[in-house]
Amino acid sequence: MFATAQKRFYVPRVVARASNIRSGQTVVDILAGYQGTMTFEAAALAGSQGIVYAVDLRKTALQALKGRCELGHAGNIEAVHGHVERVGGVPLADQIADAVLLVDALSLLENRLEVVREVVRLLKSGGILTVVDWHPFGDARHGPDAARRLSEQEARSLCLVNALQYEGTFDTGDYHYGFTCRRI
């Protein structure tokens, strides 16, 4: 009998480091969710001099995230109610972010082109967009319905058409793909 290899999910710390987040930076986590998995990793790297805006449309997710912040005394995280599927839908200033995290979000959203346009609006010149999303193939027990998933090439195309320069890929385990782009 042959042993099968254990499948791996992405490691939030690896994703945050791929974003090149440094102390004192401003980070926007799009669709931060109830747990704020990427939010907390980004906050650790941005440090007390930085700030992470955890953006979500669901007010209940933001309330849960605020509760986690209070328990963990994360003073550099701010929950923001925003509509990421329209330009100007996130109530933050233009070019505020050194890095934007778009993790497990594209497969959940309908108006993906507008999402990327909103990300570009938020990014400073030279800022980094980090995309992590589900492979369109594989185990359907995890993640969104396979019909909603984009291929890595489709996700890259959304970025390239929006004045972002592709930087490269990084390890995201077996269920996801991940890459970074820089705002030109």
Protein backbone atom coordinates (compact mmCIF):
# COMPACT_ATOMS: atom_id res chain seq x y z
CA MET A 1 0.00 0.00 0.00
CA PHE A 2 1.33 3.44 -0.94
CA ALA A 3 1.17 6.40 1.39
CA THR A 4 -0.47 9.48 -0.07
CA ALA A 5 1.02 12.90 0.46
CA GLN A 6 -0.84 15.26 2.78
CA LYS A 7 -2.31 18.19 0.84
CA ARG A 8 -1.35 21.65 2.07
CA PHE A 9 -3.21 24.96 2.34
CA TYR A 10 -1.43 28.30 2.01
CA VAL A 11 0.42 29.62 5.04
CA PRO A 12 -0.75 33.18 5.91
CA ARG A 13 2.73 34.22 7.04
CA VAL A 14 4.18 33.17 3.67
CA VAL A 15 1.50 35.17 1.84
CA ALA A 16 2.13 38.25 3.98
CA ARG A 17 5.88 38.01 3.42
CA ALA A 18 5.37 37.62 -0.33
CA SER A 19 3.62 41.01 -0.15
CA ASN A 20 6.87 42.52 1.13
CA ILE A 21 5.04 44.16 4.06
CA ARG A 22 7.43 46.10 6.27
CA SER A 23 7.21 48.02 9.51
CA GLY A 24 5.29 51.29 9.22
CA GLN A 25 3.43 50.40 6.05
CA THR A 26 -0.26 50.72 5.26
CA VAL A 27 -1.98 47.52 4.15
CA VAL A 28 -5.53 46.89 2.91
CA ASP A 29 -6.96 43.38 3.33
CA ILE A 30 -9.90 42.98 0.91
CA LEU A 31 -12.66 40.68 2.21
CA ALA A 32 -10.88 40.22 5.52
CA GLY A 33 -13.64 37.94 6.78
CA TYR A 34 -14.67 36.84 10.24
CA GLN A 35 -11.26 35.51 11.26
CA GLY A 36 -9.04 38.14 9.68
CA THR A 37 -6.42 35.50 8.99
CA MET A 38 -4.42 37.69 6.62
CA THR A 39 -5.23 40.86 8.58
CA PHE A 40 -3.42 39.67 11.68
CA GLU A 41 -0.39 38.42 9.74
CA ALA A 42 -0.14 41.75 7.91
CA ALA A 43 -0.52 43.66 11.19
CA ALA A 44 2.35 41.72 12.73
CA LEU A 45 4.64 42.68 9.84
CA ALA A 46 3.45 46.32 9.63
CA GLY A 47 4.11 46.71 13.35
CA SER A 48 2.88 49.38 15.71
CA GLN A 49 3.88 52.14 13.28
CA GLY A 50 1.83 50.64 10.45
CA ILE A 51 -1.88 50.14 9.92
CA VAL A 52 -3.98 47.42 8.36
CA TYR A 53 -7.44 48.24 7.04
CA ALA A 54 -9.58 45.10 7.16
CA VAL A 55 -12.27 45.66 4.54
CA ASP A 56 -15.47 43.64 4.25
CA LEU A 57 -19.03 44.20 3.07
CA ARG A 58 -20.47 42.02 5.83
CA LYS A 59 -20.96 44.01 9.02
CA THR A 60 -21.12 40.79 11.05
CA ALA A 61 -17.64 39.83 9.78
CA LEU A 62 -16.29 43.22 10.80
CA GLN A 63 -17.86 42.91 14.27
CA ALA A 64 -16.25 39.48 14.73
CA LEU A 65 -12.92 40.88 13.57
CA LYS A 66 -13.19 43.81 16.00
CA GLY A 67 -13.81 41.32 18.80
CA ARG A 68 -10.67 39.39 17.88
CA CYS A 69 -8.72 42.66 17.83
CA GLU A 70 -9.92 43.54 21.33
CA LEU A 71 -8.96 40.11 22.63
CA GLY A 72 -5.55 40.30 21.01
CA HIS A 73 -4.99 44.03 21.63
CA ALA A 74 -4.25 44.58 17.92
CA GLY A 75 -4.11 48.36 17.89
CA ASN A 76 -2.92 48.71 14.31
CA ILE A 77 -6.03 47.16 12.70
CA GLU A 78 -9.04 49.18 11.61
CA ALA A 79 -12.22 47.47 10.36
CA VAL A 80 -13.72 49.20 7.32
CA HIS A 81 -17.15 48.58 5.81
CA GLY A 82 -16.71 48.83 2.06
CA HIS A 83 -18.12 47.75 -1.29
CA VAL A 84 -15.08 46.36 -3.08
CA GLU A 85 -16.95 45.70 -6.32
CA ARG A 86 -17.14 49.35 -7.31
CA VAL A 87 -14.47 52.00 -7.68
CA GLY A 88 -14.66 54.32 -4.69
CA GLY A 89 -16.73 51.77 -2.75
CA VAL A 90 -14.08 51.43 -0.03
CA PRO A 91 -14.07 54.62 2.05
CA LEU A 92 -10.30 55.08 2.02
CA ALA A 93 -8.20 57.69 0.25
CA ASP A 94 -6.71 57.11 -3.19
CA GLN A 95 -3.20 55.66 -3.15
CA ILE A 96 -3.23 54.97 0.59
CA ALA A 97 -1.80 51.44 0.54
CA ASP A 98 1.72 50.10 0.27
CA ALA A 99 0.18 46.64 -0.13
CA VAL A 100 -3.27 45.21 -0.86
CA LEU A 101 -4.17 41.61 -0.06
CA LEU A 102 -6.76 39.93 -2.28
CA VAL A 103 -6.84 36.48 -0.71
CA ASP A 104 -9.64 34.00 -1.43
CA ALA A 105 -11.72 36.88 -2.78
CA LEU A 106 -11.89 36.79 -6.58
CA SER A 107 -13.78 33.48 -6.63
CA LEU A 108 -16.40 34.95 -4.31
CA LEU A 109 -17.02 38.21 -6.13
CA GLU A 110 -19.07 38.90 -9.25
CA ASN A 111 -17.62 42.13 -10.66
CA ARG A 112 -13.97 41.14 -10.63
CA LEU A 113 -12.76 43.79 -13.03
CA GLU A 114 -14.17 46.53 -10.79
CA VAL A 115 -12.55 44.87 -7.76
CA VAL A 116 -9.14 45.14 -9.38
CA ARG A 117 -9.85 48.74 -10.41
CA GLU A 118 -10.67 49.54 -6.78
CA VAL A 119 -7.44 47.85 -5.68
CA VAL A 120 -5.45 49.97 -8.15
CA ARG A 121 -7.13 53.10 -6.78
CA LEU A 122 -6.04 52.17 -3.26
CA LEU A 123 -2.44 51.24 -4.14
CA LYS A 124 0.38 53.75 -4.05
CA SER A 125 2.66 53.93 -7.06
CA GLY A 126 5.04 51.00 -6.63
CA GLY A 127 2.63 49.29 -4.20
CA ILE A 128 2.16 45.52 -4.20
CA LEU A 129 -1.04 43.59 -4.88
CA THR A 130 -0.99 40.02 -3.62
CA VAL A 131 -3.53 37.62 -5.14
CA VAL A 132 -4.22 34.19 -3.69
CA ASP A 133 -7.19 32.20 -4.93
CA TRP A 134 -8.47 28.69 -5.46
CA HIS A 135 -7.28 26.55 -8.36
CA PRO A 136 -10.22 25.91 -10.69
CA PHE A 137 -9.59 22.18 -10.47
CA GLY A 138 -9.17 19.74 -7.64
CA ASP A 139 -11.00 18.87 -4.46
CA ALA A 140 -14.43 20.53 -4.41
CA ARG A 141 -14.85 19.85 -0.68
CA HIS A 142 -12.77 22.93 0.01
CA GLY A 143 -13.53 26.45 -1.15
CA PRO A 144 -16.14 27.90 -3.46
CA ASP A 145 -17.93 26.01 -6.20
CA ALA A 146 -15.46 25.11 -8.96
CA ALA A 147 -17.58 26.96 -11.55
CA ARG A 148 -16.90 30.27 -9.73
CA ARG A 149 -13.12 29.88 -9.66
CA LEU A 150 -10.73 31.68 -11.98
CA SER A 151 -7.58 30.19 -13.38
CA GLU A 152 -4.32 31.87 -12.43
CA GLN A 153 -4.04 33.17 -16.01
CA GLU A 154 -7.52 34.75 -15.82
CA ALA A 155 -6.65 36.43 -12.52
CA ARG A 156 -3.34 37.70 -13.93
CA SER A 157 -5.14 39.09 -16.98
CA LEU A 158 -7.45 41.13 -14.73
CA CYS A 159 -4.38 42.65 -13.12
CA LEU A 160 -2.43 43.32 -16.29
CA VAL A 161 -5.35 45.08 -17.97
CA ASN A 162 -5.44 47.44 -14.96
CA ALA A 163 -1.91 48.87 -15.18
CA LEU A 164 -0.35 46.39 -12.79
CA GLN A 165 2.98 44.78 -13.55
CA TYR A 166 3.27 41.06 -12.85
CA GLU A 167 6.07 40.32 -10.35
CA GLY A 168 5.98 36.55 -9.79
CA THR A 169 4.46 33.56 -8.01
CA PHE A 170 5.03 32.09 -4.56
CA ASP A 171 4.18 28.85 -2.74
CA THR A 172 0.53 28.59 -1.75
CA GLY A 173 0.18 24.88 -1.16
CA ASP A 174 -1.95 22.51 -3.20
CA TYR A 175 -5.35 24.21 -3.33
CA HIS A 176 -4.41 27.77 -4.32
CA TYR A 177 -2.26 29.83 -6.65
CA GLY A 178 -0.54 33.02 -5.58
CA PHE A 179 1.21 35.89 -7.31
CA THR A 180 2.15 39.50 -6.80
CA CYS A 181 1.84 42.54 -9.03
CA ARG A 182 3.18 46.05 -8.65
CA ARG A 183 1.32 49.24 -9.44
CA ILE A 184 3.20 51.04 -12.19
